[in-house]
Protein backbone atom coordinates (compact mmCIF):
# COMPACT_ATOMS: atom_id res chain seq x y z
CA MET A 1 231.61 -49.33 -99.22
CA GLY A 2 231.74 -51.37 -102.47
CA ALA A 3 231.20 -55.04 -103.31
CA ILE A 4 234.00 -57.69 -102.50
CA GLU A 5 234.70 -60.22 -105.03
CA ARG A 6 236.07 -63.69 -104.22
CA ASN A 7 236.38 -66.53 -106.88
CA GLY A 8 233.35 -65.74 -108.76
CA TYR A 9 231.31 -64.70 -105.63
CA ARG A 10 230.29 -61.16 -104.97
CA PHE A 11 229.62 -59.94 -101.35
CA VAL A 12 227.68 -56.61 -101.30
CA PRO A 13 227.42 -55.00 -97.97
CA GLU A 14 224.55 -52.60 -96.86
CA PHE A 15 223.85 -51.10 -93.44
CA SER A 16 221.66 -48.77 -91.48
CA VAL A 17 223.43 -46.33 -89.16
CA ILE A 18 220.09 -45.68 -87.25
CA GLN A 19 219.42 -49.28 -86.51
CA GLN A 20 223.14 -50.15 -86.24
CA ASN A 21 222.80 -53.29 -88.21
CA GLY A 22 223.73 -54.48 -91.71
CA ALA A 23 223.80 -57.31 -94.13
CA ILE A 24 226.01 -58.73 -96.62
CA HIS A 25 224.26 -60.08 -99.63
CA VAL A 26 225.98 -63.11 -101.29
CA TYR A 27 225.96 -63.64 -105.10
CA ASN A 28 227.35 -66.35 -107.27
CA ARG A 29 227.64 -64.62 -110.66
CA GLU A 30 224.09 -62.90 -110.70
CA GLU A 31 222.32 -65.37 -108.55
CA PHE A 32 221.46 -64.28 -104.95
CA LEU A 33 222.46 -67.10 -102.48
CA GLU A 34 221.92 -65.66 -98.99
CA GLU A 35 222.24 -62.69 -96.64
CA ILE A 36 224.72 -62.57 -93.78
CA GLN A 37 223.34 -60.29 -90.93
CA PHE A 38 225.61 -58.31 -88.60
CA ARG A 39 225.63 -55.66 -85.96
CA PHE A 40 228.04 -52.70 -85.52
CA SER A 41 228.54 -49.60 -83.46
CA GLY A 42 229.53 -46.07 -84.39
CA LYS A 43 228.80 -44.24 -87.65
CA PHE A 44 229.52 -47.22 -90.01
CA PRO A 45 230.86 -50.78 -89.86
CA GLU A 46 234.51 -51.14 -89.95
CA LEU A 47 235.77 -52.67 -93.22
CA ASP A 48 237.89 -55.18 -91.09
CA GLN A 49 234.60 -56.53 -89.63
CA ILE A 50 233.08 -56.84 -93.07
CA GLU A 51 236.21 -58.64 -94.55
CA GLU A 52 236.27 -61.02 -91.58
CA LEU A 53 232.52 -62.00 -92.16
CA VAL A 54 233.37 -62.62 -95.88
CA ASP A 55 236.53 -64.70 -94.87
CA GLN A 56 234.53 -66.74 -92.38
CA TYR A 57 231.81 -67.37 -95.11
CA CYS A 58 234.35 -68.37 -97.83
CA GLU A 59 236.21 -70.65 -95.40
CA LYS A 60 232.86 -72.38 -94.27
CA ASN A 61 231.65 -72.79 -97.87
CA ASN A 62 235.20 -73.73 -99.36
CA ILE A 63 235.05 -70.71 -101.67
């Protein structure tokens, strides 16, 4: 699963199958801004779940 780009921001997902949790690291250009944590079930998080979290973040922060 690769990074998602939106208006100069980069969202990099990482996850642990064993712990069933993940995080999306948010960057503006090369500067790390914050981490969005999430949980999932199954072998990997659904792409739709990650895209929804990115959409919510962008909407909340007017990106």
